[in-house]
Amino acid sequence: MDQPRFRAAFLSAITVAGFSACATPSQRFDRQAEDLGFSVEVVQGLGFRQNVYRSQGRAESDLLHVYLEGDASPRIASRYSPPDPTPHRPIMLGLMALDPAPSVLLGRPCQHAAEVPCDPSTWTVGRYGEDVVASLVAVLETERMASGATGVVLIGHSGGGALAMLMAERIPETRAVITLAGNLDTTRWADHHGYTPLIESLDPAQRPPLSPSVIQIHLLAGRDLRVPPTLTRDAIHRQPNAITRIYPDFDHGCCWATIWPGVLDEVASATGAPQK
């Protein structure tokens, strides 16, 4: 490499490293979304301003794929109430980049610095609360109508899985729900870890089962210490026709991208949507 190009590359590397070291979780999330080619807009929900990240997709489909990111560290949130509850290691942006269908990632209330200041209870004891679910549903309905989609596929990781289940019962257009290491029994989860009970949240395990017409695929990680499969099996079992898959070598954050194209093909086949 010639000297000018070497210097440019060296300075670029320093800039990226410096940005990563001192940037907030929200800034790092937005940088990753930009690098993946997603557009972002701050929209008004019900009582919250929320980020929406959009991918146009490469396939024509009447289904909108809706991604929901997980929680920031629940242990940190319970003890210290950090000012930015955006996940430090997001999973869903990378999965959405692999998805050929028209897709959006709905920013959760208080994440991504879209709503400042934000009541800490919204992302601690009330992280799956009525106001959070209602606002997400309102934003999704606006996105669905704008896209022209006649149906939605809800996809959630960890706490995003809990929200996907809670949203699905309110959205008649839901065709499928996919959860990855989903926190589907939040009462058992909080008890298991000794966390403060989520007294202002809804618990998917205590809600009526979804309609049998909704395709459900729940993906569990055998080495998951945050949401061990034993905590969610009963909640999944009560769901009609739900499919459960356990990946023995996966943990809470790894290695979902390796199976994601195959999961998307399965959902496309089940819903009759184009696969490519």
C-alpha atoms as a PDB file:
ATOM      1  CA  MET A   1       0.000   0.000   0.000  1.00  0.00           C
ATOM      2  CA  ASP A   2       1.374   3.439  -0.932  1.00  0.00           C
ATOM      3  CA  GLN A   3       2.054   5.998   1.807  1.00  0.00           C
ATOM      4  CA  PRO A   4      -0.984   8.301   1.274  1.00  0.00           C
ATOM      5  CA  ARG A   5      -3.418   5.351   1.187  1.00  0.00           C
ATOM      6  CA  PHE A   6      -1.761   3.788   4.223  1.00  0.00           C
ATOM      7  CA  ARG A   7      -2.104   7.054   6.138  1.00  0.00           C
ATOM      8  CA  ALA A   8      -5.780   7.394   5.127  1.00  0.00           C
ATOM      9  CA  ALA A   9      -6.527   3.818   6.203  1.00  0.00           C
ATOM     10  CA  PHE A  10      -4.629   4.321   9.467  1.00  0.00           C
ATOM     11  CA  LEU A  11      -6.524   7.522  10.277  1.00  0.00           C
ATOM     12  CA  SER A  12      -9.818   5.872   9.383  1.00  0.00           C
ATOM     13  CA  ALA A  13      -9.089   2.964  11.715  1.00  0.00           C
ATOM     14  CA  ILE A  14      -8.232   5.355  14.532  1.00  0.00           C
ATOM     15  CA  THR A  15     -11.444   7.313  13.942  1.00  0.00           C
ATOM     16  CA  VAL A  16     -13.605   4.170  14.012  1.00  0.00           C
ATOM     17  CA  ALA A  17     -11.863   2.854  17.117  1.00  0.00           C
ATOM     18  CA  GLY A  18     -12.207   6.190  18.842  1.00  0.00           C
ATOM     19  CA  PHE A  19     -15.859   6.453  17.939  1.00  0.00           C
ATOM     20  CA  SER A  20     -16.564   2.952  19.263  1.00  0.00           C
ATOM     21  CA  ALA A  21     -14.723   3.668  22.491  1.00  0.00           C
ATOM     22  CA  CYS A  22     -16.553   6.863  23.412  1.00  0.00           C
ATOM     23  CA  ALA A  23     -19.864   6.624  21.514  1.00  0.00           C
ATOM     24  CA  THR A  24     -23.101   5.900  23.345  1.00  0.00           C
ATOM     25  CA  PRO A  25     -25.000   2.655  22.665  1.00  0.00           C
ATOM     26  CA  SER A  26     -27.494   4.674  20.603  1.00  0.00           C
ATOM     27  CA  GLN A  27     -24.752   6.185  18.470  1.00  0.00           C
ATOM     28  CA  ARG A  28     -23.128   2.803  17.881  1.00  0.00           C
ATOM     29  CA  PHE A  29     -26.495   1.296  16.931  1.00  0.00           C
ATOM     30  CA  ASP A  30     -27.155   4.088  14.421  1.00  0.00           C
ATOM     31  CA  ARG A  31     -23.667   3.742  12.961  1.00  0.00           C
ATOM     32  CA  GLN A  32     -24.224   0.006  12.419  1.00  0.00           C
ATOM     33  CA  ALA A  33     -27.608   0.676  10.804  1.00  0.00           C
ATOM     34  CA  GLU A  34     -26.013   3.253   8.489  1.00  0.00           C
ATOM     35  CA  ASP A  35     -23.213   0.867   7.551  1.00  0.00           C
ATOM     36  CA  LEU A  36     -25.826  -1.760   6.639  1.00  0.00           C
ATOM     37  CA  GLY A  37     -27.633   0.700   4.394  1.00  0.00           C
ATOM     38  CA  PHE A  38     -30.771   1.137   6.496  1.00  0.00           C
ATOM     39  CA  SER A  39     -32.660   4.413   6.673  1.00  0.00           C
ATOM     40  CA  VAL A  40     -33.816   5.713  10.056  1.00  0.00           C
ATOM     41  CA  GLU A  41     -36.602   8.060  11.083  1.00  0.00           C
ATOM     42  CA  VAL A  42     -37.852   9.258  14.453  1.00  0.00           C
ATOM     43  CA  VAL A  43     -41.628   8.823  14.533  1.00  0.00           C
ATOM     44  CA  GLN A  44     -44.332   9.656  17.024  1.00  0.00           C
ATOM     45  CA  GLY A  45     -45.964   6.718  18.772  1.00  0.00           C
ATOM     46  CA  LEU A  46     -48.497   6.851  21.584  1.00  0.00           C
ATOM     47  CA  GLY A  47     -46.750   9.018  24.138  1.00  0.00           C
ATOM     48  CA  PHE A  48     -43.254   8.156  22.888  1.00  0.00           C
ATOM     49  CA  ARG A  49     -40.946   9.192  20.092  1.00  0.00           C
ATOM     50  CA  GLN A  50     -39.399   6.056  18.604  1.00  0.00           C
ATOM     51  CA  ASN A  51     -36.810   5.238  15.953  1.00  0.00           C
ATOM     52  CA  VAL A  52     -37.795   3.170  12.938  1.00  0.00           C
ATOM     53  CA  TYR A  53     -35.048   1.543  10.862  1.00  0.00           C
ATOM     54  CA  ARG A  54     -36.114   0.505   7.365  1.00  0.00           C
ATOM     55  CA  SER A  55     -34.823  -1.918   4.758  1.00  0.00           C
ATOM     56  CA  GLN A  56     -36.502  -1.936   1.361  1.00  0.00           C
ATOM     57  CA  GLY A  57     -35.730  -5.597   0.792  1.00  0.00           C
ATOM     58  CA  ARG A  58     -35.009  -7.288  -2.503  1.00  0.00           C
ATOM     59  CA  ALA A  59     -38.131  -9.435  -2.835  1.00  0.00           C
ATOM     60  CA  GLU A  60     -41.687  -8.436  -3.577  1.00  0.00           C
ATOM     61  CA  SER A  61     -43.990  -9.449  -0.741  1.00  0.00           C
ATOM     62  CA  ASP A  62     -47.272  -8.428   0.805  1.00  0.00           C
ATOM     63  CA  LEU A  63     -45.778  -9.256   4.219  1.00  0.00           C
ATOM     64  CA  LEU A  64     -43.787  -6.764   6.264  1.00  0.00           C
ATOM     65  CA  HIS A  65     -41.110  -8.313   8.482  1.00  0.00           C
ATOM     66  CA  VAL A  66     -40.951  -6.476  11.808  1.00  0.00           C
ATOM     67  CA  TYR A  67     -37.836  -6.848  13.972  1.00  0.00           C
ATOM     68  CA  LEU A  68     -37.754  -6.106  17.703  1.00  0.00           C
ATOM     69  CA  GLU A  69     -34.410  -5.831  19.489  1.00  0.00           C
ATOM     70  CA  GLY A  70     -33.785  -7.203  22.956  1.00  0.00           C
ATOM     71  CA  ASP A  71     -33.287  -5.387  26.242  1.00  0.00           C
ATOM     72  CA  ALA A  72     -30.149  -3.703  27.400  1.00  0.00           C
ATOM     73  CA  SER A  73     -28.508  -5.559  30.288  1.00  0.00           C
ATOM     74  CA  PRO A  74     -31.368  -6.241  32.737  1.00  0.00           C
ATOM     75  CA  ARG A  75     -28.934  -6.523  35.647  1.00  0.00           C
ATOM     76  CA  ILE A  76     -27.475  -3.086  34.946  1.00  0.00           C
ATOM     77  CA  ALA A  77     -30.920  -1.619  34.330  1.00  0.00           C
ATOM     78  CA  SER A  78     -32.232  -2.926  37.646  1.00  0.00           C
ATOM     79  CA  ARG A  79     -29.301  -1.678  39.689  1.00  0.00           C
ATOM     80  CA  TYR A  80     -28.141   1.531  38.056  1.00  0.00           C
ATOM     81  CA  SER A  81     -30.847   2.813  35.650  1.00  0.00           C
ATOM     82  CA  PRO A  82     -28.344   3.875  32.953  1.00  0.00           C
ATOM     83  CA  PRO A  83     -29.428   6.851  30.822  1.00  0.00           C
ATOM     84  CA  ASP A  84     -29.271   4.932  27.520  1.00  0.00           C
ATOM     85  CA  PRO A  85     -31.023   1.524  27.566  1.00  0.00           C
ATOM     86  CA  THR A  86     -30.113   0.725  23.950  1.00  0.00           C
ATOM     87  CA  PRO A  87     -28.510  -2.754  23.706  1.00  0.00           C
ATOM     88  CA  HIS A  88     -24.713  -2.685  23.563  1.00  0.00           C
ATOM     89  CA  ARG A  89     -24.578  -5.751  21.313  1.00  0.00           C
ATOM     90  CA  PRO A  90     -27.626  -5.663  19.046  1.00  0.00           C
ATOM     91  CA  ILE A  91     -28.604  -8.847  17.252  1.00  0.00           C
ATOM     92  CA  MET A  92     -31.488  -7.874  15.025  1.00  0.00           C
ATOM     93  CA  LEU A  93     -29.814  -5.360  12.717  1.00  0.00           C
ATOM     94  CA  GLY A  94     -27.497  -8.055  11.412  1.00  0.00           C
ATOM     95  CA  LEU A  95     -30.394 -10.469  10.898  1.00  0.00           C
ATOM     96  CA  MET A  96     -32.462  -7.863   9.091  1.00  0.00           C
ATOM     97  CA  ALA A  97     -29.532  -7.312   6.717  1.00  0.00           C
ATOM     98  CA  LEU A  98     -29.881 -10.975   5.673  1.00  0.00           C
ATOM     99  CA  ASP A  99     -33.620 -10.665   5.023  1.00  0.00           C
ATOM    100  CA  PRO A 100     -34.726 -10.197   1.387  1.00  0.00           C
ATOM    101  CA  ALA A 101     -38.256  -9.197   2.410  1.00  0.00           C
ATOM    102  CA  PRO A 102     -39.347  -5.593   3.082  1.00  0.00           C
ATOM    103  CA  SER A 103     -38.409  -5.110   6.734  1.00  0.00           C
ATOM    104  CA  VAL A 104     -38.407  -2.610   9.571  1.00  0.00           C
ATOM    105  CA  LEU A 105     -36.827  -2.590  13.004  1.00  0.00           C
ATOM    106  CA  LEU A 106     -39.034  -0.812  15.514  1.00  0.00           C
ATOM    107  CA  GLY A 107     -37.073   1.070  18.129  1.00  0.00           C
ATOM    108  CA  ARG A 108     -38.533   0.456  21.576  1.00  0.00           C
ATOM    109  CA  PRO A 109     -39.621   3.366  23.787  1.00  0.00           C
ATOM    110  CA  CYS A 110     -36.604   4.973  25.526  1.00  0.00           C
ATOM    111  CA  GLN A 111     -34.084   3.153  23.341  1.00  0.00           C
ATOM    112  CA  HIS A 112     -31.994   4.977  20.708  1.00  0.00           C
ATOM    113  CA  ALA A 113     -32.235   8.318  22.569  1.00  0.00           C
ATOM    114  CA  ALA A 114     -35.405   9.147  20.631  1.00  0.00           C
ATOM    115  CA  GLU A 115     -37.230  10.135  23.822  1.00  0.00           C
ATOM    116  CA  VAL A 116     -35.148  12.239  26.212  1.00  0.00           C
ATOM    117  CA  PRO A 117     -35.689  12.346  29.130  1.00  0.00           C
ATOM    118  CA  CYS A 118     -37.479   9.038  29.595  1.00  0.00           C
ATOM    119  CA  ASP A 119     -38.945   7.601  32.795  1.00  0.00           C
ATOM    120  CA  PRO A 120     -36.629   4.747  33.886  1.00  0.00           C
ATOM    121  CA  SER A 121     -39.639   2.603  34.785  1.00  0.00           C
ATOM    122  CA  THR A 122     -40.423   2.400  31.066  1.00  0.00           C
ATOM    123  CA  TRP A 123     -37.347   0.266  30.491  1.00  0.00           C
ATOM    124  CA  THR A 124     -37.051  -1.447  33.886  1.00  0.00           C
ATOM    125  CA  VAL A 125     -40.176  -2.725  35.677  1.00  0.00           C
ATOM    126  CA  GLY A 126     -42.414  -1.502  32.836  1.00  0.00           C
ATOM    127  CA  ARG A 127     -40.334  -2.610  29.854  1.00  0.00           C
ATOM    128  CA  TYR A 128     -43.219  -4.785  28.583  1.00  0.00           C
ATOM    129  CA  GLY A 129     -45.938  -2.525  29.934  1.00  0.00           C
ATOM    130  CA  GLU A 130     -49.266  -1.557  28.410  1.00  0.00           C
ATOM    131  CA  ASP A 131     -48.038   1.848  27.260  1.00  0.00           C
ATOM    132  CA  VAL A 132     -44.944   0.317  25.609  1.00  0.00           C
ATOM    133  CA  VAL A 133     -46.942  -2.347  23.747  1.00  0.00           C
ATOM    134  CA  ALA A 134     -49.635   0.103  22.664  1.00  0.00           C
ATOM    135  CA  SER A 135     -47.073   2.545  21.273  1.00  0.00           C
ATOM    136  CA  LEU A 136     -45.246  -0.184  19.345  1.00  0.00           C
ATOM    137  CA  VAL A 137     -48.531  -1.423  17.874  1.00  0.00           C
ATOM    138  CA  ALA A 138     -49.462   2.110  16.786  1.00  0.00           C
ATOM    139  CA  VAL A 139     -46.104   2.683  15.086  1.00  0.00           C
ATOM    140  CA  LEU A 140     -46.296  -0.708  13.389  1.00  0.00           C
ATOM    141  CA  GLU A 141     -49.758  -0.043  12.024  1.00  0.00           C
ATOM    142  CA  THR A 142     -48.537   3.218  10.495  1.00  0.00           C
ATOM    143  CA  GLU A 143     -45.573   1.408   8.927  1.00  0.00           C
ATOM    144  CA  ARG A 144     -47.744  -1.412   7.619  1.00  0.00           C
ATOM    145  CA  MET A 145     -50.220   0.918   5.965  1.00  0.00           C
ATOM    146  CA  ALA A 146     -47.448   3.033   4.446  1.00  0.00           C
ATOM    147  CA  SER A 147     -45.790  -0.082   3.000  1.00  0.00           C
ATOM    148  CA  GLY A 148     -49.011  -1.476   1.580  1.00  0.00           C
ATOM    149  CA  ALA A 149     -48.437  -4.798   3.357  1.00  0.00           C
ATOM    150  CA  THR A 150     -51.489  -6.912   4.081  1.00  0.00           C
ATOM    151  CA  GLY A 151     -49.777  -8.928   6.797  1.00  0.00           C
ATOM    152  CA  VAL A 152     -46.847  -8.827   9.216  1.00  0.00           C
ATOM    153  CA  VAL A 153     -44.266 -11.252  10.553  1.00  0.00           C
ATOM    154  CA  LEU A 154     -43.142 -10.300  14.071  1.00  0.00           C
ATOM    155  CA  ILE A 155     -39.546 -11.254  14.932  1.00  0.00           C
ATOM    156  CA  GLY A 156     -38.117 -10.645  18.390  1.00  0.00           C
ATOM    157  CA  HIS A 157     -34.910 -11.457  20.236  1.00  0.00           C
ATOM    158  CA  SER A 158     -34.902 -11.859  24.025  1.00  0.00           C
ATOM    159  CA  GLY A 159     -37.196  -9.156  25.452  1.00  0.00           C
ATOM    160  CA  GLY A 160     -38.176  -8.345  21.890  1.00  0.00           C
ATOM    161  CA  GLY A 161     -39.650 -11.845  21.772  1.00  0.00           C
ATOM    162  CA  ALA A 162     -41.895 -11.015  24.719  1.00  0.00           C
ATOM    163  CA  LEU A 163     -43.068  -7.882  22.933  1.00  0.00           C
ATOM    164  CA  ALA A 164     -43.644  -9.772  19.675  1.00  0.00           C
ATOM    165  CA  MET A 165     -46.036 -12.131  21.477  1.00  0.00           C
ATOM    166  CA  LEU A 166     -47.814  -9.272  23.257  1.00  0.00           C
ATOM    167  CA  MET A 167     -48.176  -7.308  20.029  1.00  0.00           C
ATOM    168  CA  ALA A 168     -49.379 -10.277  17.999  1.00  0.00           C
ATOM    169  CA  GLU A 169     -52.601 -10.640  19.958  1.00  0.00           C
ATOM    170  CA  ARG A 170     -53.502  -7.026  19.089  1.00  0.00           C
ATOM    171  CA  ILE A 171     -52.622  -7.078  15.395  1.00  0.00           C
ATOM    172  CA  PRO A 172     -55.129  -9.021  13.269  1.00  0.00           C
ATOM    173  CA  GLU A 173     -52.718  -8.926  10.318  1.00  0.00           C
ATOM    174  CA  THR A 174     -50.125 -11.041  12.156  1.00  0.00           C
ATOM    175  CA  ARG A 175     -49.241 -14.038  10.008  1.00  0.00           C
ATOM    176  CA  ALA A 176     -46.271 -15.354  11.965  1.00  0.00           C
ATOM    177  CA  VAL A 177     -44.241 -14.804  15.135  1.00  0.00           C
ATOM    178  CA  ILE A 178     -40.592 -15.833  15.407  1.00  0.00           C
ATOM    179  CA  THR A 179     -38.718 -15.536  18.691  1.00  0.00           C
ATOM    180  CA  LEU A 180     -35.021 -16.054  19.318  1.00  0.00           C
ATOM    181  CA  ALA A 181     -34.100 -16.746  22.936  1.00  0.00           C
ATOM    182  CA  GLY A 182     -37.418 -15.075  23.697  1.00  0.00           C
ATOM    183  CA  ASN A 183     -38.257 -14.018  27.242  1.00  0.00           C
ATOM    184  CA  LEU A 184     -41.704 -15.609  27.087  1.00  0.00           C
ATOM    185  CA  ASP A 185     -42.358 -16.140  30.810  1.00  0.00           C
ATOM    186  CA  THR A 186     -41.191 -12.918  32.403  1.00  0.00           C
ATOM    187  CA  THR A 187     -42.356 -13.776  35.919  1.00  0.00           C
ATOM    188  CA  ARG A 188     -40.324 -17.002  36.022  1.00  0.00           C
ATOM    189  CA  TRP A 189     -37.399 -15.187  34.385  1.00  0.00           C
ATOM    190  CA  ALA A 190     -37.291 -12.442  37.039  1.00  0.00           C
ATOM    191  CA  ASP A 191     -37.627 -15.015  39.841  1.00  0.00           C
ATOM    192  CA  HIS A 192     -34.873 -17.175  38.336  1.00  0.00           C
ATOM    193  CA  HIS A 193     -32.372 -14.311  38.247  1.00  0.00           C
ATOM    194  CA  GLY A 194     -33.500 -12.611  41.445  1.00  0.00           C
ATOM    195  CA  TYR A 195     -34.449  -9.431  39.565  1.00  0.00           C
ATOM    196  CA  THR A 196     -37.010  -6.918  40.744  1.00  0.00           C
ATOM    197  CA  PRO A 197     -40.452  -8.196  39.665  1.00  0.00           C
ATOM    198  CA  LEU A 198     -41.711  -6.499  36.495  1.00  0.00           C
ATOM    199  CA  ILE A 199     -44.777  -5.158  38.261  1.00  0.00           C
ATOM    200  CA  GLU A 200     -45.653  -2.675  35.515  1.00  0.00           C
ATOM    201  CA  SER A 201     -45.249  -5.156  32.666  1.00  0.00           C
ATOM    202  CA  LEU A 202     -47.458  -7.660  30.877  1.00  0.00           C
ATOM    203  CA  ASP A 203     -46.332 -11.290  30.919  1.00  0.00           C
ATOM    204  CA  PRO A 204     -46.821 -13.278  27.679  1.00  0.00           C
ATOM    205  CA  ALA A 205     -47.151 -16.479  29.716  1.00  0.00           C
ATOM    206  CA  GLN A 206     -50.229 -15.058  31.439  1.00  0.00           C
ATOM    207  CA  ARG A 207     -51.968 -13.918  28.253  1.00  0.00           C
ATOM    208  CA  PRO A 208     -54.433 -16.019  26.219  1.00  0.00           C
ATOM    209  CA  PRO A 209     -52.796 -18.202  23.560  1.00  0.00           C
ATOM    210  CA  LEU A 210     -52.502 -16.715  20.087  1.00  0.00           C
ATOM    211  CA  SER A 211     -54.845 -17.788  17.315  1.00  0.00           C
ATOM    212  CA  PRO A 212     -53.983 -21.196  15.810  1.00  0.00           C
ATOM    213  CA  SER A 213     -53.805 -19.432  12.434  1.00  0.00           C
ATOM    214  CA  VAL A 214     -50.652 -17.582  13.519  1.00  0.00           C
ATOM    215  CA  ILE A 215     -47.488 -19.478  12.626  1.00  0.00           C
ATOM    216  CA  GLN A 216     -45.152 -19.635  15.634  1.00  0.00           C
ATOM    217  CA  ILE A 217     -41.482 -20.610  15.564  1.00  0.00           C
ATOM    218  CA  HIS A 218     -39.569 -20.340  18.834  1.00  0.00           C
ATOM    219  CA  LEU A 219     -35.799 -20.757  18.632  1.00  0.00           C
ATOM    220  CA  LEU A 220     -33.950 -21.564  21.857  1.00  0.00           C
ATOM    221  CA  ALA A 221     -30.250 -21.667  22.711  1.00  0.00           C
ATOM    222  CA  GLY A 222     -28.970 -24.639  24.696  1.00  0.00           C
ATOM    223  CA  ARG A 223     -26.198 -22.610  26.347  1.00  0.00           C
ATOM    224  CA  ASP A 224     -28.366 -19.586  27.100  1.00  0.00           C
ATOM    225  CA  LEU A 225     -27.794 -18.368  30.650  1.00  0.00           C
ATOM    226  CA  ARG A 226     -29.952 -15.245  30.314  1.00  0.00           C
ATOM    227  CA  VAL A 227     -33.118 -17.000  29.159  1.00  0.00           C
ATOM    228  CA  PRO A 228     -32.543 -20.717  29.748  1.00  0.00           C
ATOM    229  CA  PRO A 229     -34.871 -22.914  27.659  1.00  0.00           C
ATOM    230  CA  THR A 230     -36.316 -24.470  30.818  1.00  0.00           C
ATOM    231  CA  LEU A 231     -37.916 -21.108  31.666  1.00  0.00           C
ATOM    232  CA  THR A 232     -39.938 -20.863  28.466  1.00  0.00           C
ATOM    233  CA  ARG A 233     -40.925 -24.411  27.524  1.00  0.00           C
ATOM    234  CA  ASP A 234     -44.232 -24.340  29.428  1.00  0.00           C
ATOM    235  CA  ALA A 235     -45.190 -20.985  27.923  1.00  0.00           C
ATOM    236  CA  ILE A 236     -44.465 -22.260  24.415  1.00  0.00           C
ATOM    237  CA  HIS A 237     -46.243 -25.580  25.005  1.00  0.00           C
ATOM    238  CA  ARG A 238     -49.553 -23.817  25.654  1.00  0.00           C
ATOM    239  CA  GLN A 239     -49.402 -22.065  22.273  1.00  0.00           C
ATOM    240  CA  PRO A 240     -51.331 -23.923  19.541  1.00  0.00           C
ATOM    241  CA  ASN A 241     -49.192 -25.476  16.804  1.00  0.00           C
ATOM    242  CA  ALA A 242     -46.039 -23.720  18.012  1.00  0.00           C
ATOM    243  CA  ILE A 243     -42.752 -25.051  16.649  1.00  0.00           C
ATOM    244  CA  THR A 244     -39.782 -25.177  19.044  1.00  0.00           C
ATOM    245  CA  ARG A 245     -36.164 -25.693  18.035  1.00  0.00           C
ATOM    246  CA  ILE A 246     -33.203 -25.884  20.413  1.00  0.00           C
ATOM    247  CA  TYR A 247     -29.668 -25.252  19.192  1.00  0.00           C
ATOM    248  CA  PRO A 248     -27.383 -26.922  21.749  1.00  0.00           C
ATOM    249  CA  ASP A 249     -24.257 -24.902  20.910  1.00  0.00           C
ATOM    250  CA  PHE A 250     -25.907 -21.474  20.752  1.00  0.00           C
ATOM    251  CA  ASP A 251     -25.961 -18.990  23.609  1.00  0.00           C
ATOM    252  CA  HIS A 252     -28.107 -15.901  24.101  1.00  0.00           C
ATOM    253  CA  GLY A 253     -26.282 -13.816  21.494  1.00  0.00           C
ATOM    254  CA  CYS A 254     -24.604 -16.444  19.296  1.00  0.00           C
ATOM    255  CA  CYS A 255     -24.946 -17.721  16.567  1.00  0.00           C
ATOM    256  CA  TRP A 256     -28.301 -16.779  15.108  1.00  0.00           C
ATOM    257  CA  ALA A 257     -27.036 -15.408  11.793  1.00  0.00           C
ATOM    258  CA  THR A 258     -25.826 -18.869  10.763  1.00  0.00           C
ATOM    259  CA  ILE A 259     -29.354 -20.272  10.660  1.00  0.00           C
ATOM    260  CA  TRP A 260     -31.280 -17.141   9.728  1.00  0.00           C
ATOM    261  CA  PRO A 261     -31.514 -17.585   5.930  1.00  0.00           C
ATOM    262  CA  GLY A 262     -32.951 -21.067   6.473  1.00  0.00           C
ATOM    263  CA  VAL A 263     -35.486 -19.768   9.016  1.00  0.00           C
ATOM    264  CA  LEU A 264     -36.582 -17.051   6.586  1.00  0.00           C
ATOM    265  CA  ASP A 265     -37.024 -19.623   3.820  1.00  0.00           C
ATOM    266  CA  GLU A 266     -39.185 -21.728   6.169  1.00  0.00           C
ATOM    267  CA  VAL A 267     -41.371 -18.749   7.064  1.00  0.00           C
ATOM    268  CA  ALA A 268     -41.702 -17.737   3.420  1.00  0.00           C
ATOM    269  CA  SER A 269     -42.782 -21.247   2.500  1.00  0.00           C
ATOM    270  CA  ALA A 270     -45.288 -21.434   5.361  1.00  0.00           C
ATOM    271  CA  THR A 271     -46.834 -18.058   4.553  1.00  0.00           C
ATOM    272  CA  GLY A 272     -46.695 -18.391   0.784  1.00  0.00           C
ATOM    273  CA  ALA A 273     -44.439 -15.361   0.418  1.00  0.00           C
ATOM    274  CA  PRO A 274     -41.661 -15.134  -2.212  1.00  0.00           C
ATOM    275  CA  GLN A 275     -38.382 -16.555  -0.896  1.00  0.00           C
ATOM    276  CA  LYS A 276     -35.956 -14.596  -3.066  1.00  0.00           C
END
